[in-house]
Amino acid sequence: MGNAADTNTKTHPGTETKPETRTPSMFKVLLLNDDYTPMDFVVLVLTKFFRKSEVEATEIMLHVHHKGFGVAGIYPQEIAETKVFEVNSYSQKSQFPLKCIMEKE
């Protein structure tokens, strides 16, 4: 004999609660202008670390040169932090003062 509770239990397909997913915060990775880093080095950094084409990298480099900063890319926090660390380490190792920072979008 079956339990009465078993026969009265009904399930409704599609009523399952789904966990709420949030889009991670995004961060702009910025290159800052200085008076010593050669333009060619900035283009190299943009192609090497941000996978920009020569044309894109040149446009960003000119923006950095004329406006004081330029957006190299927009990434989730951990990726942005890694990019900033890589660029700053590479610049220092190459003996250039180019600085890379991040800010929340």
PDB file of N, CA and C in Angstrom:
ATOM      1  N   MET A   1       0.822  -1.178   0.000  1.00  0.00           N
ATOM      2  CA  MET A   1       0.000   0.000   0.000  1.00  0.00           C
ATOM      3  C   MET A   1       0.869   1.244   0.000  1.00  0.00           C
ATOM      4  N   GLY A   2       0.490   2.205  -0.815  1.00  0.00           N
ATOM      5  CA  GLY A   2       1.250   3.440  -0.917  1.00  0.00           C
ATOM      6  C   GLY A   2       0.850   4.446   0.144  1.00  0.00           C
ATOM      7  N   ASN A   3       1.717   5.359   0.387  1.00  0.00           N
ATOM      8  CA  ASN A   3       1.479   6.426   1.336  1.00  0.00           C
ATOM      9  C   ASN A   3       0.611   7.484   0.672  1.00  0.00           C
ATOM     10  N   ALA A   4      -0.358   8.001   1.370  1.00  0.00           N
ATOM     11  CA  ALA A   4      -1.268   9.002   0.810  1.00  0.00           C
ATOM     12  C   ALA A   4      -0.523  10.272   0.414  1.00  0.00           C
ATOM     13  N   ALA A   5       0.523  10.591   1.146  1.00  0.00           N
ATOM     14  CA  ALA A   5       1.297  11.791   0.823  1.00  0.00           C
ATOM     15  C   ALA A   5       1.986  11.644  -0.521  1.00  0.00           C
ATOM     16  N   ASP A   6       2.368  10.414  -0.876  1.00  0.00           N
ATOM     17  CA  ASP A   6       3.033  10.187  -2.156  1.00  0.00           C
ATOM     18  C   ASP A   6       2.111  10.462  -3.329  1.00  0.00           C
ATOM     19  N   THR A   7       0.865  10.119  -3.211  1.00  0.00           N
ATOM     20  CA  THR A   7      -0.059  10.297  -4.325  1.00  0.00           C
ATOM     21  C   THR A   7      -0.535  11.732  -4.451  1.00  0.00           C
ATOM     22  N   ASN A   8      -0.441  12.515  -3.393  1.00  0.00           N
ATOM     23  CA  ASN A   8      -0.901  13.896  -3.439  1.00  0.00           C
ATOM     24  C   ASN A   8       0.208  14.883  -3.823  1.00  0.00           C
ATOM     25  N   THR A   9       1.448  14.406  -3.888  1.00  0.00           N
ATOM     26  CA  THR A   9       2.559  15.280  -4.215  1.00  0.00           C
ATOM     27  C   THR A   9       2.621  15.467  -5.726  1.00  0.00           C
ATOM     28  N   LYS A  10       2.562  16.696  -6.137  1.00  0.00           N
ATOM     29  CA  LYS A  10       2.633  17.009  -7.574  1.00  0.00           C
ATOM     30  C   LYS A  10       3.843  17.899  -7.808  1.00  0.00           C
ATOM     31  N   THR A  11       4.529  17.644  -8.883  1.00  0.00           N
ATOM     32  CA  THR A  11       5.638  18.514  -9.251  1.00  0.00           C
ATOM     33  C   THR A  11       5.248  19.246 -10.521  1.00  0.00           C
ATOM     34  N   HIS A  12       5.658  20.471 -10.605  1.00  0.00           N
ATOM     35  CA  HIS A  12       5.368  21.274 -11.787  1.00  0.00           C
ATOM     36  C   HIS A  12       6.675  21.533 -12.522  1.00  0.00           C
ATOM     37  N   PRO A  13       6.790  21.010 -13.719  1.00  0.00           N
ATOM     38  CA  PRO A  13       8.035  21.244 -14.459  1.00  0.00           C
ATOM     39  C   PRO A  13       8.240  22.733 -14.716  1.00  0.00           C
ATOM     40  N   GLY A  14       9.491  23.157 -14.598  1.00  0.00           N
ATOM     41  CA  GLY A  14       9.827  24.546 -14.888  1.00  0.00           C
ATOM     42  C   GLY A  14       9.639  25.489 -13.712  1.00  0.00           C
ATOM     43  N   THR A  15       9.241  24.976 -12.547  1.00  0.00           N
ATOM     44  CA  THR A  15       9.052  25.863 -11.397  1.00  0.00           C
ATOM     45  C   THR A  15      10.260  25.854 -10.469  1.00  0.00           C
ATOM     46  N   GLU A  16      11.276  25.169 -10.878  1.00  0.00           N
ATOM     47  CA  GLU A  16      12.504  25.093 -10.094  1.00  0.00           C
ATOM     48  C   GLU A  16      13.138  26.488 -10.016  1.00  0.00           C
ATOM     49  N   THR A  17      13.579  26.882  -8.828  1.00  0.00           N
ATOM     50  CA  THR A  17      14.234  28.192  -8.721  1.00  0.00           C
ATOM     51  C   THR A  17      15.667  28.081  -9.188  1.00  0.00           C
ATOM     52  N   LYS A  18      16.047  29.025 -10.006  1.00  0.00           N
ATOM     53  CA  LYS A  18      17.402  29.049 -10.537  1.00  0.00           C
ATOM     54  C   LYS A  18      18.225  30.021  -9.706  1.00  0.00           C
ATOM     55  N   PRO A  19      19.499  29.684  -9.470  1.00  0.00           N
ATOM     56  CA  PRO A  19      20.331  30.627  -8.723  1.00  0.00           C
ATOM     57  C   PRO A  19      20.515  31.914  -9.519  1.00  0.00           C
ATOM     58  N   GLU A  20      20.503  33.024  -8.804  1.00  0.00           N
ATOM     59  CA  GLU A  20      20.665  34.324  -9.452  1.00  0.00           C
ATOM     60  C   GLU A  20      22.123  34.501  -9.863  1.00  0.00           C
ATOM     61  N   THR A  21      22.327  34.816 -11.123  1.00  0.00           N
ATOM     62  CA  THR A  21      23.701  35.050 -11.589  1.00  0.00           C
ATOM     63  C   THR A  21      23.878  36.541 -11.796  1.00  0.00           C
ATOM     64  N   ARG A  22      25.012  37.029 -11.351  1.00  0.00           N
ATOM     65  CA  ARG A  22      25.315  38.443 -11.523  1.00  0.00           C
ATOM     66  C   ARG A  22      26.482  38.582 -12.484  1.00  0.00           C
ATOM     67  N   THR A  23      26.406  39.598 -13.303  1.00  0.00           N
ATOM     68  CA  THR A  23      27.509  39.903 -14.200  1.00  0.00           C
ATOM     69  C   THR A  23      28.631  40.495 -13.355  1.00  0.00           C
ATOM     70  N   PRO A  24      29.856  39.996 -13.531  1.00  0.00           N
ATOM     71  CA  PRO A  24      30.952  40.543 -12.718  1.00  0.00           C
ATOM     72  C   PRO A  24      31.213  42.010 -13.071  1.00  0.00           C
ATOM     73  N   SER A  25      31.705  42.756 -12.094  1.00  0.00           N
ATOM     74  CA  SER A  25      32.075  44.150 -12.343  1.00  0.00           C
ATOM     75  C   SER A  25      33.201  44.176 -13.368  1.00  0.00           C
ATOM     76  N   MET A  26      33.149  45.154 -14.231  1.00  0.00           N
ATOM     77  CA  MET A  26      34.165  45.286 -15.257  1.00  0.00           C
ATOM     78  C   MET A  26      35.069  46.470 -14.908  1.00  0.00           C
ATOM     79  N   PHE A  27      36.330  46.368 -15.341  1.00  0.00           N
ATOM     80  CA  PHE A  27      37.326  47.380 -15.039  1.00  0.00           C
ATOM     81  C   PHE A  27      38.037  47.813 -16.308  1.00  0.00           C
ATOM     82  N   LYS A  28      38.229  49.125 -16.433  1.00  0.00           N
ATOM     83  CA  LYS A  28      39.003  49.672 -17.544  1.00  0.00           C
ATOM     84  C   LYS A  28      40.477  49.568 -17.179  1.00  0.00           C
ATOM     85  N   VAL A  29      41.275  49.105 -18.120  1.00  0.00           N
ATOM     86  CA  VAL A  29      42.723  49.105 -17.945  1.00  0.00           C
ATOM     87  C   VAL A  29      43.235  50.302 -18.747  1.00  0.00           C
ATOM     88  N   LEU A  30      43.894  51.218 -18.044  1.00  0.00           N
ATOM     89  CA  LEU A  30      44.331  52.473 -18.648  1.00  0.00           C
ATOM     90  C   LEU A  30      45.844  52.568 -18.709  1.00  0.00           C
ATOM     91  N   LEU A  31      46.339  53.114 -19.806  1.00  0.00           N
ATOM     92  CA  LEU A  31      47.753  53.463 -19.914  1.00  0.00           C
ATOM     93  C   LEU A  31      47.860  54.963 -19.690  1.00  0.00           C
ATOM     94  N   LEU A  32      48.858  55.366 -18.910  1.00  0.00           N
ATOM     95  CA  LEU A  32      49.044  56.779 -18.588  1.00  0.00           C
ATOM     96  C   LEU A  32      50.228  57.349 -19.351  1.00  0.00           C
ATOM     97  N   ASN A  33      50.061  58.563 -19.834  1.00  0.00           N
ATOM     98  CA  ASN A  33      51.120  59.232 -20.587  1.00  0.00           C
ATOM     99  C   ASN A  33      52.270  59.647 -19.671  1.00  0.00           C
ATOM    100  N   ASP A  34      53.459  59.633 -20.221  1.00  0.00           N
ATOM    101  CA  ASP A  34      54.627  60.184 -19.546  1.00  0.00           C
ATOM    102  C   ASP A  34      55.507  60.825 -20.620  1.00  0.00           C
ATOM    103  N   ASP A  35      56.539  61.512 -20.198  1.00  0.00           N
ATOM    104  CA  ASP A  35      57.378  62.236 -21.154  1.00  0.00           C
ATOM    105  C   ASP A  35      58.561  61.428 -21.681  1.00  0.00           C
ATOM    106  N   TYR A  36      58.686  60.181 -21.265  1.00  0.00           N
ATOM    107  CA  TYR A  36      59.900  59.422 -21.600  1.00  0.00           C
ATOM    108  C   TYR A  36      59.673  58.138 -22.391  1.00  0.00           C
ATOM    109  N   THR A  37      58.548  57.497 -22.213  1.00  0.00           N
ATOM    110  CA  THR A  37      58.310  56.224 -22.901  1.00  0.00           C
ATOM    111  C   THR A  37      58.090  56.475 -24.389  1.00  0.00           C
ATOM    112  N   PRO A  38      58.860  55.800 -25.253  1.00  0.00           N
ATOM    113  CA  PRO A  38      58.686  55.980 -26.705  1.00  0.00           C
ATOM    114  C   PRO A  38      57.325  55.463 -27.178  1.00  0.00           C
ATOM    115  N   MET A  39      56.806  56.126 -28.170  1.00  0.00           N
ATOM    116  CA  MET A  39      55.508  55.738 -28.731  1.00  0.00           C
ATOM    117  C   MET A  39      55.530  54.301 -29.238  1.00  0.00           C
ATOM    118  N   ASP A  40      56.636  53.895 -29.826  1.00  0.00           N
ATOM    119  CA  ASP A  40      56.753  52.527 -30.343  1.00  0.00           C
ATOM    120  C   ASP A  40      56.611  51.490 -29.224  1.00  0.00           C
ATOM    121  N   PHE A  41      57.130  51.813 -28.043  1.00  0.00           N
ATOM    122  CA  PHE A  41      57.026  50.895 -26.916  1.00  0.00           C
ATOM    123  C   PHE A  41      55.573  50.757 -26.473  1.00  0.00           C
ATOM    124  N   VAL A  42      54.825  51.846 -26.474  1.00  0.00           N
ATOM    125  CA  VAL A  42      53.403  51.809 -26.100  1.00  0.00           C
ATOM    126  C   VAL A  42      52.638  50.944 -27.095  1.00  0.00           C
ATOM    127  N   VAL A  43      52.928  51.097 -28.373  1.00  0.00           N
ATOM    128  CA  VAL A  43      52.280  50.266 -29.403  1.00  0.00           C
ATOM    129  C   VAL A  43      52.634  48.794 -29.177  1.00  0.00           C
ATOM    130  N   LEU A  44      53.887  48.514 -28.868  1.00  0.00           N
ATOM    131  CA  LEU A  44      54.318  47.145 -28.586  1.00  0.00           C
ATOM    132  C   LEU A  44      53.537  46.558 -27.409  1.00  0.00           C
ATOM    133  N   VAL A  45      53.401  47.315 -26.343  1.00  0.00           N
ATOM    134  CA  VAL A  45      52.659  46.856 -25.160  1.00  0.00           C
ATOM    135  C   VAL A  45      51.209  46.534 -25.530  1.00  0.00           C
ATOM    136  N   LEU A  46      50.603  47.406 -26.312  1.00  0.00           N
ATOM    137  CA  LEU A  46      49.203  47.198 -26.696  1.00  0.00           C
ATOM    138  C   LEU A  46      49.017  45.974 -27.584  1.00  0.00           C
ATOM    139  N   THR A  47      49.971  45.698 -28.447  1.00  0.00           N
ATOM    140  CA  THR A  47      49.860  44.505 -29.304  1.00  0.00           C
ATOM    141  C   THR A  47      50.207  43.246 -28.521  1.00  0.00           C
ATOM    142  N   LYS A  48      51.189  43.335 -27.640  1.00  0.00           N
ATOM    143  CA  LYS A  48      51.677  42.172 -26.891  1.00  0.00           C
ATOM    144  C   LYS A  48      50.712  41.731 -25.785  1.00  0.00           C
ATOM    145  N   PHE A  49      50.233  42.669 -24.988  1.00  0.00           N
ATOM    146  CA  PHE A  49      49.430  42.324 -23.814  1.00  0.00           C
ATOM    147  C   PHE A  49      47.925  42.455 -24.020  1.00  0.00           C
ATOM    148  N   PHE A  50      47.515  43.233 -25.012  1.00  0.00           N
ATOM    149  CA  PHE A  50      46.084  43.469 -25.214  1.00  0.00           C
ATOM    150  C   PHE A  50      45.596  42.980 -26.582  1.00  0.00           C
ATOM    151  N   ARG A  51      46.509  42.362 -27.339  1.00  0.00           N
ATOM    152  CA  ARG A  51      46.173  41.777 -28.647  1.00  0.00           C
ATOM    153  C   ARG A  51      45.504  42.761 -29.602  1.00  0.00           C
ATOM    154  N   LYS A  52      45.971  43.981 -29.555  1.00  0.00           N
ATOM    155  CA  LYS A  52      45.451  45.001 -30.476  1.00  0.00           C
ATOM    156  C   LYS A  52      46.208  44.913 -31.793  1.00  0.00           C
ATOM    157  N   SER A  53      45.537  45.270 -32.867  1.00  0.00           N
ATOM    158  CA  SER A  53      46.212  45.354 -34.167  1.00  0.00           C
ATOM    159  C   SER A  53      47.127  46.575 -34.141  1.00  0.00           C
ATOM    160  N   GLU A  54      48.038  46.660 -35.102  1.00  0.00           N
ATOM    161  CA  GLU A  54      48.927  47.822 -35.191  1.00  0.00           C
ATOM    162  C   GLU A  54      48.120  49.120 -35.290  1.00  0.00           C
ATOM    163  N   VAL A  55      47.058  49.089 -36.087  1.00  0.00           N
ATOM    164  CA  VAL A  55      46.231  50.282 -36.287  1.00  0.00           C
ATOM    165  C   VAL A  55      45.534  50.673 -34.983  1.00  0.00           C
ATOM    166  N   GLU A  56      44.901  49.694 -34.321  1.00  0.00           N
ATOM    167  CA  GLU A  56      44.231  49.971 -33.042  1.00  0.00           C
ATOM    168  C   GLU A  56      45.220  50.475 -31.995  1.00  0.00           C
ATOM    169  N   ALA A  57      46.353  49.802 -31.910  1.00  0.00           N
ATOM    170  CA  ALA A  57      47.373  50.171 -30.927  1.00  0.00           C
ATOM    171  C   ALA A  57      47.872  51.588 -31.171  1.00  0.00           C
ATOM    172  N   THR A  58      48.057  51.959 -32.421  1.00  0.00           N
ATOM    173  CA  THR A  58      48.521  53.305 -32.756  1.00  0.00           C
ATOM    174  C   THR A  58      47.471  54.346 -32.363  1.00  0.00           C
ATOM    175  N   GLU A  59      46.200  54.042 -32.610  1.00  0.00           N
ATOM    176  CA  GLU A  59      45.123  54.969 -32.235  1.00  0.00           C
ATOM    177  C   GLU A  59      45.083  55.162 -30.715  1.00  0.00           C
ATOM    178  N   ILE A  60      45.190  54.080 -29.970  1.00  0.00           N
ATOM    179  CA  ILE A  60      45.176  54.172 -28.504  1.00  0.00           C
ATOM    180  C   ILE A  60      46.399  54.937 -28.018  1.00  0.00           C
ATOM    181  N   MET A  61      47.563  54.641 -28.579  1.00  0.00           N
ATOM    182  CA  MET A  61      48.806  55.321 -28.198  1.00  0.00           C
ATOM    183  C   MET A  61      48.681  56.826 -28.425  1.00  0.00           C
ATOM    184  N   LEU A  62      48.111  57.221 -29.550  1.00  0.00           N
ATOM    185  CA  LEU A  62      47.936  58.655 -29.834  1.00  0.00           C
ATOM    186  C   LEU A  62      46.966  59.290 -28.843  1.00  0.00           C
ATOM    187  N   HIS A  63      45.933  58.553 -28.459  1.00  0.00           N
ATOM    188  CA  HIS A  63      44.994  59.052 -27.454  1.00  0.00           C
ATOM    189  C   HIS A  63      45.724  59.253 -26.124  1.00  0.00           C
ATOM    190  N   VAL A  64      46.560  58.285 -25.751  1.00  0.00           N
ATOM    191  CA  VAL A  64      47.362  58.402 -24.523  1.00  0.00           C
ATOM    192  C   VAL A  64      48.246  59.646 -24.616  1.00  0.00           C
ATOM    193  N   HIS A  65      48.875  59.822 -25.751  1.00  0.00           N
ATOM    194  CA  HIS A  65      49.801  60.941 -25.950  1.00  0.00           C
ATOM    195  C   HIS A  65      49.105  62.296 -25.858  1.00  0.00           C
ATOM    196  N   HIS A  66      47.926  62.403 -26.473  1.00  0.00           N
ATOM    197  CA  HIS A  66      47.230  63.691 -26.539  1.00  0.00           C
ATOM    198  C   HIS A  66      46.326  63.969 -25.336  1.00  0.00           C
ATOM    199  N   LYS A  67      45.725  62.940 -24.765  1.00  0.00           N
ATOM    200  CA  LYS A  67      44.748  63.130 -23.681  1.00  0.00           C
ATOM    201  C   LYS A  67      45.307  62.788 -22.294  1.00  0.00           C
ATOM    202  N   GLY A  68      46.480  62.151 -22.249  1.00  0.00           N
ATOM    203  CA  GLY A  68      47.080  61.819 -20.964  1.00  0.00           C
ATOM    204  C   GLY A  68      46.822  60.397 -20.499  1.00  0.00           C
ATOM    205  N   PHE A  69      45.876  59.734 -21.133  1.00  0.00           N
ATOM    206  CA  PHE A  69      45.573  58.337 -20.807  1.00  0.00           C
ATOM    207  C   PHE A  69      44.804  57.729 -21.969  1.00  0.00           C
ATOM    208  N   GLY A  70      44.719  56.408 -21.968  1.00  0.00           N
ATOM    209  CA  GLY A  70      43.943  55.721 -22.988  1.00  0.00           C
ATOM    210  C   GLY A  70      43.501  54.373 -22.469  1.00  0.00           C
ATOM    211  N   VAL A  71      42.337  53.926 -22.907  1.00  0.00           N
ATOM    212  CA  VAL A  71      41.786  52.645 -22.482  1.00  0.00           C
ATOM    213  C   VAL A  71      42.382  51.539 -23.348  1.00  0.00           C
ATOM    214  N   ALA A  72      43.117  50.643 -22.696  1.00  0.00           N
ATOM    215  CA  ALA A  72      43.715  49.517 -23.412  1.00  0.00           C
ATOM    216  C   ALA A  72      42.718  48.363 -23.543  1.00  0.00           C
ATOM    217  N   GLY A  73      41.794  48.272 -22.589  1.00  0.00           N
ATOM    218  CA  GLY A  73      40.795  47.209 -22.629  1.00  0.00           C
ATOM    219  C   GLY A  73      39.897  47.273 -21.411  1.00  0.00           C
ATOM    220  N   ILE A  74      38.812  46.485 -21.457  1.00  0.00           N
ATOM    221  CA  ILE A  74      37.867  46.410 -20.349  1.00  0.00           C
ATOM    222  C   ILE A  74      37.690  44.937 -20.017  1.00  0.00           C
ATOM    223  N   TYR A  75      37.934  44.589 -18.742  1.00  0.00           N
ATOM    224  CA  TYR A  75      37.993  43.193 -18.323  1.00  0.00           C
ATOM    225  C   TYR A  75      37.365  43.005 -16.942  1.00  0.00           C
ATOM    226  N   PRO A  76      37.036  41.749 -16.598  1.00  0.00           N
ATOM    227  CA  PRO A  76      36.677  41.447 -15.213  1.00  0.00           C
ATOM    228  C   PRO A  76      37.878  41.744 -14.309  1.00  0.00           C
ATOM    229  N   GLN A  77      37.629  41.928 -13.025  1.00  0.00           N
ATOM    230  CA  GLN A  77      38.644  42.404 -12.090  1.00  0.00           C
ATOM    231  C   GLN A  77      39.941  41.605 -12.111  1.00  0.00           C
ATOM    232  N   GLU A  78      39.875  40.292 -12.024  1.00  0.00           N
ATOM    233  CA  GLU A  78      41.099  39.485 -11.953  1.00  0.00           C
ATOM    234  C   GLU A  78      41.949  39.613 -13.215  1.00  0.00           C
ATOM    235  N   ILE A  79      41.301  39.649 -14.353  1.00  0.00           N
ATOM    236  CA  ILE A  79      42.037  39.787 -15.617  1.00  0.00           C
ATOM    237  C   ILE A  79      42.652  41.184 -15.702  1.00  0.00           C
ATOM    238  N   ALA A  80      41.886  42.203 -15.309  1.00  0.00           N
ATOM    239  CA  ALA A  80      42.405  43.577 -15.323  1.00  0.00           C
ATOM    240  C   ALA A  80      43.622  43.697 -14.407  1.00  0.00           C
ATOM    241  N   GLU A  81      43.535  43.103 -13.215  1.00  0.00           N
ATOM    242  CA  GLU A  81      44.666  43.147 -12.277  1.00  0.00           C
ATOM    243  C   GLU A  81      45.907  42.489 -12.874  1.00  0.00           C
ATOM    244  N   THR A  82      45.702  41.378 -13.557  1.00  0.00           N
ATOM    245  CA  THR A  82      46.820  40.674 -14.192  1.00  0.00           C
ATOM    246  C   THR A  82      47.441  41.522 -15.290  1.00  0.00           C
ATOM    247  N   LYS A  83      46.600  42.136 -16.116  1.00  0.00           N
ATOM    248  CA  LYS A  83      47.111  42.987 -17.205  1.00  0.00           C
ATOM    249  C   LYS A  83      47.938  44.143 -16.638  1.00  0.00           C
ATOM    250  N   VAL A  84      47.425  44.795 -15.589  1.00  0.00           N
ATOM    251  CA  VAL A  84      48.136  45.918 -14.973  1.00  0.00           C
ATOM    252  C   VAL A  84      49.494  45.451 -14.462  1.00  0.00           C
ATOM    253  N   PHE A  85      49.508  44.324 -13.766  1.00  0.00           N
ATOM    254  CA  PHE A  85      50.765  43.793 -13.229  1.00  0.00           C
ATOM    255  C   PHE A  85      51.755  43.468 -14.352  1.00  0.00           C
ATOM    256  N   GLU A  86      51.273  42.792 -15.397  1.00  0.00           N
ATOM    257  CA  GLU A  86      52.151  42.407 -16.509  1.00  0.00           C
ATOM    258  C   GLU A  86      52.752  43.628 -17.202  1.00  0.00           C
ATOM    259  N   VAL A  87      51.917  44.611 -17.495  1.00  0.00           N
ATOM    260  CA  VAL A  87      52.398  45.804 -18.201  1.00  0.00           C
ATOM    261  C   VAL A  87      53.387  46.581 -17.338  1.00  0.00           C
ATOM    262  N   ASN A  88      53.048  46.792 -16.079  1.00  0.00           N
ATOM    263  CA  ASN A  88      53.947  47.549 -15.199  1.00  0.00           C
ATOM    264  C   ASN A  88      55.276  46.820 -14.999  1.00  0.00           C
ATOM    265  N   SER A  89      55.235  45.505 -14.876  1.00  0.00           N
ATOM    266  CA  SER A  89      56.466  44.720 -14.731  1.00  0.00           C
ATOM    267  C   SER A  89      57.314  44.793 -15.998  1.00  0.00           C
ATOM    268  N   TYR A  90      56.660  44.642 -17.139  1.00  0.00           N
ATOM    269  CA  TYR A  90      57.364  44.688 -18.422  1.00  0.00           C
ATOM    270  C   TYR A  90      57.985  46.065 -18.657  1.00  0.00           C
ATOM    271  N   SER A  91      57.236  47.119 -18.339  1.00  0.00           N
ATOM    272  CA  SER A  91      57.739  48.481 -18.511  1.00  0.00           C
ATOM    273  C   SER A  91      58.953  48.723 -17.623  1.00  0.00           C
ATOM    274  N   GLN A  92      58.847  48.305 -16.382  1.00  0.00           N
ATOM    275  CA  GLN A  92      59.960  48.493 -15.442  1.00  0.00           C
ATOM    276  C   GLN A  92      61.186  47.709 -15.902  1.00  0.00           C
ATOM    277  N   LYS A  93      60.959  46.459 -16.309  1.00  0.00           N
ATOM    278  CA  LYS A  93      62.058  45.611 -16.795  1.00  0.00           C
ATOM    279  C   LYS A  93      62.718  46.225 -18.035  1.00  0.00           C
ATOM    280  N   SER A  94      61.911  46.893 -18.847  1.00  0.00           N
ATOM    281  CA  SER A  94      62.418  47.537 -20.064  1.00  0.00           C
ATOM    282  C   SER A  94      62.955  48.942 -19.788  1.00  0.00           C
ATOM    283  N   GLN A  95      62.915  49.333 -18.535  1.00  0.00           N
ATOM    284  CA  GLN A  95      63.426  50.631 -18.069  1.00  0.00           C
ATOM    285  C   GLN A  95      62.681  51.823 -18.658  1.00  0.00           C
ATOM    286  N   PHE A  96      61.350  51.680 -18.743  1.00  0.00           N
ATOM    287  CA  PHE A  96      60.484  52.777 -19.158  1.00  0.00           C
ATOM    288  C   PHE A  96      59.495  53.070 -18.045  1.00  0.00           C
ATOM    289  N   PRO A  97      59.109  54.335 -17.877  1.00  0.00           N
ATOM    290  CA  PRO A  97      58.195  54.704 -16.793  1.00  0.00           C
ATOM    291  C   PRO A  97      56.708  54.538 -17.121  1.00  0.00           C
ATOM    292  N   LEU A  98      56.382  53.881 -18.239  1.00  0.00           N
ATOM    293  CA  LEU A  98      54.980  53.696 -18.607  1.00  0.00           C
ATOM    294  C   LEU A  98      54.214  53.057 -17.445  1.00  0.00           C
ATOM    295  N   LYS A  99      53.086  53.652 -17.089  1.00  0.00           N
ATOM    296  CA  LYS A  99      52.249  53.141 -15.994  1.00  0.00           C
ATOM    297  C   LYS A  99      50.907  52.679 -16.550  1.00  0.00           C
ATOM    298  N   CYS A 100      50.452  51.606 -15.957  1.00  0.00           N
ATOM    299  CA  CYS A 100      49.164  51.026 -16.298  1.00  0.00           C
ATOM    300  C   CYS A 100      48.369  50.939 -14.997  1.00  0.00           C
ATOM    301  N   ILE A 101      47.106  51.393 -15.040  1.00  0.00           N
ATOM    302  CA  ILE A 101      46.230  51.343 -13.874  1.00  0.00           C
ATOM    303  C   ILE A 101      44.882  50.771 -14.296  1.00  0.00           C
ATOM    304  N   MET A 102      44.030  50.522 -13.308  1.00  0.00           N
ATOM    305  CA  MET A 102      42.674  50.081 -13.623  1.00  0.00           C
ATOM    306  C   MET A 102      41.689  50.893 -12.803  1.00  0.00           C
ATOM    307  N   GLU A 103      40.492  51.048 -13.363  1.00  0.00           N
ATOM    308  CA  GLU A 103      39.424  51.717 -12.617  1.00  0.00           C
ATOM    309  C   GLU A 103      38.115  51.042 -12.973  1.00  0.00           C
ATOM    310  N   LYS A 104      37.213  51.027 -12.009  1.00  0.00           N
ATOM    311  CA  LYS A 104      35.923  50.381 -12.221  1.00  0.00           C
ATOM    312  C   LYS A 104      35.149  51.126 -13.307  1.00  0.00           C
ATOM    313  N   GLU A 105      34.532  50.348 -14.166  1.00  0.00           N
ATOM    314  CA  GLU A 105      33.773  50.953 -15.273  1.00  0.00           C
ATOM    315  C   GLU A 105      32.475  51.521 -14.768  1.00  0.00           C
TER     316      GLU A 105
END
